[in-house]
Amino acid sequence: MPYTASAHSTGTYRYLPAIAPYSSGVAAEPGYEIIGLRFDVPPPVVDGFVRLDDECARRGLPPSALVGIELRSPAPFAFGAFDEFNETYRQLLAERGLLQDGVNPIARTNVVPVRSAPAQPVLLSAFLVQPAAGAGGVDFVVAGGGEIDGLDPDAIVARGDISEAGLTAKAGHVIDEMRARLAGLGKDPQSPTLVNVYTAHETAGLSEMLLDRLPAVARHGFVRWLTRPPVVEVEFEMDLRRVSGWHAL
């Protein structure tokens, strides 16, 4: 689908409006950069947000500096349960004044490790926008996306089909979605420096598909995480990033 970015009210970044739980991606405006924060021991989501509040204050940044969240969950949610989780998560954003006239600008990835999954949803990492040391305006975070449009199970590509043909169709749809999100943020397929693939399945020809459609992979490779997307029946997810460094919490 085509995307049109919206300017955040702070002027520090733009985002791709999507659905209530998250946006489809964010990009720093000129003069600003995005940094990644990763928790050494991922805390439960509510505790993680409190720690992010403290970290923003320590860095002299407002709460609106938060532009992206990365979660890990214990098991894929049924669609109804996922709606309930998302409502609780969205309330954490609303309490911090992070919604833009009711629209959620915060990008998010939420996946389920096949092994050593947490006992409850945890906050693995976060992304902050801040004044850049140089020209800025190059960093971005494309949110996690699977082979489904919105949160309608009937919109799952090749639903229930984990044959080679089914997985290829799923992967192709997601790669095309990543390209559309890049375009909406004013970026091209050469732009990412980190390409993440989230699936529990081996997908024949995946490397070639990525090289053909996301040529950044030829320079930076890609990371495949042995995980499942956060809702049942969805089998393949990706996200893309370019940030100005990582910091441990």
C-alpha atoms as a PDB file:
ATOM      1  CA  MET A   1       0.000   0.000   0.000  1.00  0.00           C
ATOM      2  CA  PRO A   2       1.239   3.574  -0.596  1.00  0.00           C
ATOM      3  CA  TYR A   3       2.096   5.617   2.495  1.00  0.00           C
ATOM      4  CA  THR A   4       2.159   9.342   3.164  1.00  0.00           C
ATOM      5  CA  ALA A   5       4.243  10.561   6.086  1.00  0.00           C
ATOM      6  CA  SER A   6       2.913  13.006   8.654  1.00  0.00           C
ATOM      7  CA  ALA A   7       5.102  15.574  10.406  1.00  0.00           C
ATOM      8  CA  HIS A   8       5.288  15.176  14.176  1.00  0.00           C
ATOM      9  CA  SER A   9       4.229  18.281  16.074  1.00  0.00           C
ATOM     10  CA  THR A  10       7.718  18.641  17.583  1.00  0.00           C
ATOM     11  CA  GLY A  11       9.309  18.962  14.136  1.00  0.00           C
ATOM     12  CA  THR A  12      11.875  16.304  15.089  1.00  0.00           C
ATOM     13  CA  TYR A  13      10.567  13.414  12.987  1.00  0.00           C
ATOM     14  CA  ARG A  14       7.876  12.233  10.606  1.00  0.00           C
ATOM     15  CA  TYR A  15       5.829   9.052  10.831  1.00  0.00           C
ATOM     16  CA  LEU A  16       3.591   6.780   8.787  1.00  0.00           C
ATOM     17  CA  PRO A  17       0.073   6.669  10.305  1.00  0.00           C
ATOM     18  CA  ALA A  18      -1.198   3.094  10.393  1.00  0.00           C
ATOM     19  CA  ILE A  19      -3.387   1.433  13.020  1.00  0.00           C
ATOM     20  CA  ALA A  20      -4.193   2.200  16.652  1.00  0.00           C
ATOM     21  CA  PRO A  21      -1.364   0.177  18.288  1.00  0.00           C
ATOM     22  CA  TYR A  22       1.517   1.618  16.241  1.00  0.00           C
ATOM     23  CA  SER A  23       2.706   3.537  13.221  1.00  0.00           C
ATOM     24  CA  SER A  24       4.402   1.850  10.271  1.00  0.00           C
ATOM     25  CA  GLY A  25       7.644   3.768  10.716  1.00  0.00           C
ATOM     26  CA  VAL A  26       9.424   6.951  11.701  1.00  0.00           C
ATOM     27  CA  ALA A  27      12.255   9.030  10.206  1.00  0.00           C
ATOM     28  CA  ALA A  28      14.346  11.803  11.724  1.00  0.00           C
ATOM     29  CA  GLU A  29      14.010  15.263  10.240  1.00  0.00           C
ATOM     30  CA  PRO A  30      17.117  17.270   9.242  1.00  0.00           C
ATOM     31  CA  GLY A  31      19.010  18.330  12.343  1.00  0.00           C
ATOM     32  CA  TYR A  32      17.932  15.250  14.284  1.00  0.00           C
ATOM     33  CA  GLU A  33      19.106  11.659  14.709  1.00  0.00           C
ATOM     34  CA  ILE A  34      17.680   8.457  16.184  1.00  0.00           C
ATOM     35  CA  ILE A  35      19.542   6.340  18.713  1.00  0.00           C
ATOM     36  CA  GLY A  36      18.748   2.850  19.959  1.00  0.00           C
ATOM     37  CA  LEU A  37      18.566   1.852  23.628  1.00  0.00           C
ATOM     38  CA  ARG A  38      18.765  -1.836  24.532  1.00  0.00           C
ATOM     39  CA  PHE A  39      18.006  -3.259  27.972  1.00  0.00           C
ATOM     40  CA  ASP A  40      20.589  -5.724  29.301  1.00  0.00           C
ATOM     41  CA  VAL A  41      17.749  -7.460  31.163  1.00  0.00           C
ATOM     42  CA  PRO A  42      14.456  -6.705  29.375  1.00  0.00           C
ATOM     43  CA  PRO A  43      11.879  -5.516  31.933  1.00  0.00           C
ATOM     44  CA  PRO A  44       8.100  -6.033  31.860  1.00  0.00           C
ATOM     45  CA  VAL A  45       6.488  -3.476  29.584  1.00  0.00           C
ATOM     46  CA  VAL A  46       5.109  -1.152  32.276  1.00  0.00           C
ATOM     47  CA  ASP A  47       8.417  -1.128  34.174  1.00  0.00           C
ATOM     48  CA  GLY A  48      10.265  -0.568  30.909  1.00  0.00           C
ATOM     49  CA  PHE A  49       8.285   2.574  30.177  1.00  0.00           C
ATOM     50  CA  VAL A  50       9.107   3.952  33.624  1.00  0.00           C
ATOM     51  CA  ARG A  51      12.794   3.336  32.954  1.00  0.00           C
ATOM     52  CA  LEU A  52      12.481   5.078  29.583  1.00  0.00           C
ATOM     53  CA  ASP A  53      10.886   8.059  31.338  1.00  0.00           C
ATOM     54  CA  ASP A  54      13.936   8.232  33.578  1.00  0.00           C
ATOM     55  CA  GLU A  55      16.348   7.826  30.676  1.00  0.00           C
ATOM     56  CA  CYS A  56      14.743  10.631  28.684  1.00  0.00           C
ATOM     57  CA  ALA A  57      14.928  12.900  31.730  1.00  0.00           C
ATOM     58  CA  ARG A  58      18.569  11.954  32.301  1.00  0.00           C
ATOM     59  CA  ARG A  59      19.386  12.886  28.707  1.00  0.00           C
ATOM     60  CA  GLY A  60      17.466  16.155  28.900  1.00  0.00           C
ATOM     61  CA  LEU A  61      14.904  14.943  26.361  1.00  0.00           C
ATOM     62  CA  PRO A  62      11.111  15.312  26.539  1.00  0.00           C
ATOM     63  CA  PRO A  63       8.819  12.236  26.590  1.00  0.00           C
ATOM     64  CA  SER A  64       8.075  12.952  22.911  1.00  0.00           C
ATOM     65  CA  ALA A  65      11.638  11.852  22.094  1.00  0.00           C
ATOM     66  CA  LEU A  66      10.393   8.253  22.194  1.00  0.00           C
ATOM     67  CA  VAL A  67       9.775   7.171  18.586  1.00  0.00           C
ATOM     68  CA  GLY A  68      10.053   3.370  18.595  1.00  0.00           C
ATOM     69  CA  ILE A  69       9.603   0.306  20.791  1.00  0.00           C
ATOM     70  CA  GLU A  70      10.756  -3.292  20.433  1.00  0.00           C
ATOM     71  CA  LEU A  71       8.923  -5.954  22.452  1.00  0.00           C
ATOM     72  CA  ARG A  72       9.243  -9.689  23.049  1.00  0.00           C
ATOM     73  CA  SER A  73       6.184 -11.736  24.022  1.00  0.00           C
ATOM     74  CA  PRO A  74       5.730 -15.223  25.524  1.00  0.00           C
ATOM     75  CA  ALA A  75       3.459 -16.674  22.815  1.00  0.00           C
ATOM     76  CA  PRO A  76       1.485 -15.532  19.777  1.00  0.00           C
ATOM     77  CA  PHE A  77      -1.759 -13.819  20.765  1.00  0.00           C
ATOM     78  CA  ALA A  78      -5.195 -14.764  19.513  1.00  0.00           C
ATOM     79  CA  PHE A  79      -6.623 -11.758  17.678  1.00  0.00           C
ATOM     80  CA  GLY A  80      -8.979 -10.770  20.507  1.00  0.00           C
ATOM     81  CA  ALA A  81      -6.252 -11.059  23.128  1.00  0.00           C
ATOM     82  CA  PHE A  82      -3.926  -9.020  20.938  1.00  0.00           C
ATOM     83  CA  ASP A  83      -6.522  -6.246  20.823  1.00  0.00           C
ATOM     84  CA  GLU A  84      -6.637  -6.239  24.616  1.00  0.00           C
ATOM     85  CA  PHE A  85      -2.844  -6.109  24.909  1.00  0.00           C
ATOM     86  CA  ASN A  86      -2.687  -3.282  22.386  1.00  0.00           C
ATOM     87  CA  GLU A  87      -5.235  -1.232  24.288  1.00  0.00           C
ATOM     88  CA  THR A  88      -3.142  -1.496  27.466  1.00  0.00           C
ATOM     89  CA  TYR A  89       0.000  -0.605  25.536  1.00  0.00           C
ATOM     90  CA  ARG A  90      -1.658   2.350  23.830  1.00  0.00           C
ATOM     91  CA  GLN A  91      -2.776   3.660  27.220  1.00  0.00           C
ATOM     92  CA  LEU A  92       0.882   3.807  28.303  1.00  0.00           C
ATOM     93  CA  LEU A  93       1.529   6.073  25.330  1.00  0.00           C
ATOM     94  CA  ALA A  94      -1.547   8.200  26.003  1.00  0.00           C
ATOM     95  CA  GLU A  95      -0.516   8.726  29.635  1.00  0.00           C
ATOM     96  CA  ARG A  96       2.723  10.255  28.370  1.00  0.00           C
ATOM     97  CA  GLY A  97       1.020  12.510  25.837  1.00  0.00           C
ATOM     98  CA  LEU A  98       2.586  10.650  22.918  1.00  0.00           C
ATOM     99  CA  LEU A  99      -0.486  10.382  20.685  1.00  0.00           C
ATOM    100  CA  GLN A 100      -0.965  12.993  17.954  1.00  0.00           C
ATOM    101  CA  ASP A 101      -4.644  13.987  17.901  1.00  0.00           C
ATOM    102  CA  GLY A 102      -5.479  10.375  18.704  1.00  0.00           C
ATOM    103  CA  VAL A 103      -3.054   8.960  16.111  1.00  0.00           C
ATOM    104  CA  ASN A 104      -0.210   6.748  17.322  1.00  0.00           C
ATOM    105  CA  PRO A 105       3.146   7.894  15.833  1.00  0.00           C
ATOM    106  CA  ILE A 106       5.326   5.327  17.629  1.00  0.00           C
ATOM    107  CA  ALA A 107       6.813   2.502  15.537  1.00  0.00           C
ATOM    108  CA  ARG A 108       6.807  -0.973  17.109  1.00  0.00           C
ATOM    109  CA  THR A 109       8.086  -4.493  16.605  1.00  0.00           C
ATOM    110  CA  ASN A 110       6.712  -7.285  18.790  1.00  0.00           C
ATOM    111  CA  VAL A 111       7.749 -10.894  18.187  1.00  0.00           C
ATOM    112  CA  VAL A 112       7.881 -14.206  20.064  1.00  0.00           C
ATOM    113  CA  PRO A 113      11.166 -16.094  20.537  1.00  0.00           C
ATOM    114  CA  VAL A 114      10.890 -19.784  19.656  1.00  0.00           C
ATOM    115  CA  ARG A 115      13.216 -20.578  22.568  1.00  0.00           C
ATOM    116  CA  SER A 116      13.693 -18.822  25.906  1.00  0.00           C
ATOM    117  CA  ALA A 117      10.583 -16.697  25.477  1.00  0.00           C
ATOM    118  CA  PRO A 118       9.820 -14.356  28.390  1.00  0.00           C
ATOM    119  CA  ALA A 119       7.110 -15.207  30.904  1.00  0.00           C
ATOM    120  CA  GLN A 120       5.289 -11.963  30.050  1.00  0.00           C
ATOM    121  CA  PRO A 121       5.697  -9.257  27.396  1.00  0.00           C
ATOM    122  CA  VAL A 122       8.945  -7.366  27.927  1.00  0.00           C
ATOM    123  CA  LEU A 123      10.572  -4.255  26.498  1.00  0.00           C
ATOM    124  CA  LEU A 124      13.744  -5.267  24.642  1.00  0.00           C
ATOM    125  CA  SER A 125      14.769  -1.920  23.178  1.00  0.00           C
ATOM    126  CA  ALA A 126      13.573   1.575  22.335  1.00  0.00           C
ATOM    127  CA  PHE A 127      14.450   4.400  19.973  1.00  0.00           C
ATOM    128  CA  LEU A 128      14.826   8.086  20.811  1.00  0.00           C
ATOM    129  CA  VAL A 129      15.094  11.115  18.523  1.00  0.00           C
ATOM    130  CA  GLN A 130      17.532  13.813  19.588  1.00  0.00           C
ATOM    131  CA  PRO A 131      19.449  16.770  18.131  1.00  0.00           C
ATOM    132  CA  ALA A 132      22.127  15.505  15.735  1.00  0.00           C
ATOM    133  CA  ALA A 133      25.821  16.225  16.051  1.00  0.00           C
ATOM    134  CA  GLY A 134      25.927  16.804  12.289  1.00  0.00           C
ATOM    135  CA  ALA A 135      23.353  17.378   9.570  1.00  0.00           C
ATOM    136  CA  GLY A 136      21.090  14.545  10.719  1.00  0.00           C
ATOM    137  CA  GLY A 137      17.960  13.542   8.859  1.00  0.00           C
ATOM    138  CA  VAL A 138      19.179  10.096   7.753  1.00  0.00           C
ATOM    139  CA  ASP A 139      17.985   7.798  10.544  1.00  0.00           C
ATOM    140  CA  PHE A 140      14.747   5.830  10.509  1.00  0.00           C
ATOM    141  CA  VAL A 141      12.925   2.888  12.063  1.00  0.00           C
ATOM    142  CA  VAL A 142      10.493   0.882   9.934  1.00  0.00           C
ATOM    143  CA  ALA A 143       8.061  -0.960  12.202  1.00  0.00           C
ATOM    144  CA  GLY A 144       7.648  -4.709  12.187  1.00  0.00           C
ATOM    145  CA  GLY A 145       5.177  -5.931   9.579  1.00  0.00           C
ATOM    146  CA  GLY A 146       3.890  -9.380   8.674  1.00  0.00           C
ATOM    147  CA  GLU A 147       1.925 -10.882   5.810  1.00  0.00           C
ATOM    148  CA  ILE A 148      -1.333  -9.326   6.932  1.00  0.00           C
ATOM    149  CA  ASP A 149      -3.004  -5.999   6.227  1.00  0.00           C
ATOM    150  CA  GLY A 150      -4.250  -4.432   9.443  1.00  0.00           C
ATOM    151  CA  LEU A 151      -5.409  -6.924  12.061  1.00  0.00           C
ATOM    152  CA  ASP A 152      -7.958  -8.859  10.000  1.00  0.00           C
ATOM    153  CA  PRO A 153      -7.206 -12.622   9.956  1.00  0.00           C
ATOM    154  CA  ASP A 154      -8.957 -12.907   6.590  1.00  0.00           C
ATOM    155  CA  ALA A 155      -6.273 -10.583   5.178  1.00  0.00           C
ATOM    156  CA  ILE A 156      -3.395 -12.982   5.926  1.00  0.00           C
ATOM    157  CA  VAL A 157      -1.483 -13.769   2.720  1.00  0.00           C
ATOM    158  CA  ALA A 158      -1.521 -17.509   1.945  1.00  0.00           C
ATOM    159  CA  ARG A 159      -3.361 -18.104   5.218  1.00  0.00           C
ATOM    160  CA  GLY A 160      -2.565 -21.512   6.670  1.00  0.00           C
ATOM    161  CA  ASP A 161      -0.107 -22.337   3.884  1.00  0.00           C
ATOM    162  CA  ILE A 162       3.439 -23.006   5.115  1.00  0.00           C
ATOM    163  CA  SER A 163       4.482 -24.889   1.994  1.00  0.00           C
ATOM    164  CA  GLU A 164       7.431 -23.523   0.043  1.00  0.00           C
ATOM    165  CA  ALA A 165       5.034 -21.668  -2.247  1.00  0.00           C
ATOM    166  CA  GLY A 166       3.056 -20.276   0.682  1.00  0.00           C
ATOM    167  CA  LEU A 167       6.132 -19.055   2.540  1.00  0.00           C
ATOM    168  CA  THR A 168       7.506 -17.489  -0.630  1.00  0.00           C
ATOM    169  CA  ALA A 169       4.244 -15.599  -1.132  1.00  0.00           C
ATOM    170  CA  LYS A 170       4.308 -14.420   2.489  1.00  0.00           C
ATOM    171  CA  ALA A 171       7.933 -13.275   2.299  1.00  0.00           C
ATOM    172  CA  GLY A 172       7.359 -11.487  -0.997  1.00  0.00           C
ATOM    173  CA  HIS A 173       4.389  -9.597   0.415  1.00  0.00           C
ATOM    174  CA  VAL A 174       6.358  -8.488   3.481  1.00  0.00           C
ATOM    175  CA  ILE A 175       9.392  -7.382   1.466  1.00  0.00           C
ATOM    176  CA  ASP A 176       7.144  -5.313  -0.787  1.00  0.00           C
ATOM    177  CA  GLU A 177       5.519  -3.802   2.311  1.00  0.00           C
ATOM    178  CA  MET A 178       8.946  -2.852   3.675  1.00  0.00           C
ATOM    179  CA  ARG A 179       9.761  -1.139   0.372  1.00  0.00           C
ATOM    180  CA  ALA A 180       6.480   0.785   0.517  1.00  0.00           C
ATOM    181  CA  ARG A 181       7.209   1.966   4.042  1.00  0.00           C
ATOM    182  CA  LEU A 182      10.704   3.085   3.043  1.00  0.00           C
ATOM    183  CA  ALA A 183       9.240   5.061   0.154  1.00  0.00           C
ATOM    184  CA  GLY A 184       6.686   6.687   2.468  1.00  0.00           C
ATOM    185  CA  LEU A 185       9.518   7.867   4.709  1.00  0.00           C
ATOM    186  CA  GLY A 186      11.434   9.251   1.724  1.00  0.00           C
ATOM    187  CA  LYS A 187      14.028   6.454   1.789  1.00  0.00           C
ATOM    188  CA  ASP A 188      15.061   3.891  -0.811  1.00  0.00           C
ATOM    189  CA  PRO A 189      15.915   0.155  -0.673  1.00  0.00           C
ATOM    190  CA  GLN A 190      19.612   1.006  -0.311  1.00  0.00           C
ATOM    191  CA  SER A 191      18.982   2.965   2.907  1.00  0.00           C
ATOM    192  CA  PRO A 192      18.696   0.376   5.727  1.00  0.00           C
ATOM    193  CA  THR A 193      21.804  -0.635   7.615  1.00  0.00           C
ATOM    194  CA  LEU A 194      19.916  -3.288   9.604  1.00  0.00           C
ATOM    195  CA  VAL A 195      17.413  -5.693   8.039  1.00  0.00           C
ATOM    196  CA  ASN A 196      15.680  -8.053  10.488  1.00  0.00           C
ATOM    197  CA  VAL A 197      13.704 -11.147   9.471  1.00  0.00           C
ATOM    198  CA  TYR A 198      11.451 -12.818  12.040  1.00  0.00           C
ATOM    199  CA  THR A 199      10.189 -16.323  11.276  1.00  0.00           C
ATOM    200  CA  ALA A 200      10.285 -19.862  12.628  1.00  0.00           C
ATOM    201  CA  HIS A 201      10.413 -21.308   9.098  1.00  0.00           C
ATOM    202  CA  GLU A 202      13.143 -21.876   6.558  1.00  0.00           C
ATOM    203  CA  THR A 203      12.160 -19.933   3.450  1.00  0.00           C
ATOM    204  CA  ALA A 204      13.691 -21.175   0.209  1.00  0.00           C
ATOM    205  CA  GLY A 205      15.284 -18.442  -1.885  1.00  0.00           C
ATOM    206  CA  LEU A 206      14.910 -15.797   0.832  1.00  0.00           C
ATOM    207  CA  SER A 207      18.435 -14.418   0.447  1.00  0.00           C
ATOM    208  CA  GLU A 208      17.937 -13.944  -3.285  1.00  0.00           C
ATOM    209  CA  MET A 209      14.557 -12.256  -2.767  1.00  0.00           C
ATOM    210  CA  LEU A 210      16.080  -9.832  -0.298  1.00  0.00           C
ATOM    211  CA  LEU A 211      19.067  -9.080  -2.516  1.00  0.00           C
ATOM    212  CA  ASP A 212      16.780  -8.388  -5.467  1.00  0.00           C
ATOM    213  CA  ARG A 213      14.285  -6.156  -3.637  1.00  0.00           C
ATOM    214  CA  LEU A 214      16.333  -4.685  -0.768  1.00  0.00           C
ATOM    215  CA  PRO A 215      19.820  -4.175  -2.212  1.00  0.00           C
ATOM    216  CA  ALA A 216      21.063  -2.822   1.129  1.00  0.00           C
ATOM    217  CA  VAL A 217      21.387  -6.511   2.037  1.00  0.00           C
ATOM    218  CA  ALA A 218      24.320  -6.820  -0.388  1.00  0.00           C
ATOM    219  CA  ARG A 219      26.303  -4.403   1.820  1.00  0.00           C
ATOM    220  CA  HIS A 220      24.979  -5.069   5.307  1.00  0.00           C
ATOM    221  CA  GLY A 221      23.516  -8.576   5.214  1.00  0.00           C
ATOM    222  CA  PHE A 222      20.410  -9.409   7.207  1.00  0.00           C
ATOM    223  CA  VAL A 223      19.645 -10.904  10.604  1.00  0.00           C
ATOM    224  CA  ARG A 224      17.244 -13.796  10.875  1.00  0.00           C
ATOM    225  CA  TRP A 225      15.643 -14.197  14.284  1.00  0.00           C
ATOM    226  CA  LEU A 226      14.137 -17.569  15.210  1.00  0.00           C
ATOM    227  CA  THR A 227      10.846 -16.055  16.296  1.00  0.00           C
ATOM    228  CA  ARG A 228       7.162 -15.961  15.482  1.00  0.00           C
ATOM    229  CA  PRO A 229       5.086 -12.855  14.747  1.00  0.00           C
ATOM    230  CA  PRO A 230       2.891 -11.734  17.652  1.00  0.00           C
ATOM    231  CA  VAL A 231      -0.480 -13.068  16.427  1.00  0.00           C
ATOM    232  CA  VAL A 232      -1.552 -16.582  15.531  1.00  0.00           C
ATOM    233  CA  GLU A 233      -1.430 -17.685  11.886  1.00  0.00           C
ATOM    234  CA  VAL A 234       1.012 -14.967  10.828  1.00  0.00           C
ATOM    235  CA  GLU A 235       4.328 -16.624   9.931  1.00  0.00           C
ATOM    236  CA  PHE A 236       6.770 -14.034   8.529  1.00  0.00           C
ATOM    237  CA  GLU A 237       7.714 -10.555   9.714  1.00  0.00           C
ATOM    238  CA  MET A 238      10.423  -7.992   9.012  1.00  0.00           C
ATOM    239  CA  ASP A 239      11.605  -4.574  10.129  1.00  0.00           C
ATOM    240  CA  LEU A 240      14.295  -2.151   8.899  1.00  0.00           C
ATOM    241  CA  ARG A 241      16.468   0.418  10.627  1.00  0.00           C
ATOM    242  CA  ARG A 242      19.223   2.967  10.364  1.00  0.00           C
ATOM    243  CA  VAL A 243      20.208   4.590  13.655  1.00  0.00           C
ATOM    244  CA  SER A 244      23.114   6.645  14.997  1.00  0.00           C
ATOM    245  CA  GLY A 245      24.397   4.146  17.523  1.00  0.00           C
ATOM    246  CA  TRP A 246      23.194   1.860  20.304  1.00  0.00           C
ATOM    247  CA  HIS A 247      23.382   2.381  24.057  1.00  0.00           C
ATOM    248  CA  ALA A 248      22.957  -0.231  26.808  1.00  0.00           C
ATOM    249  CA  LEU A 249      20.535   0.281  29.694  1.00  0.00           C
END
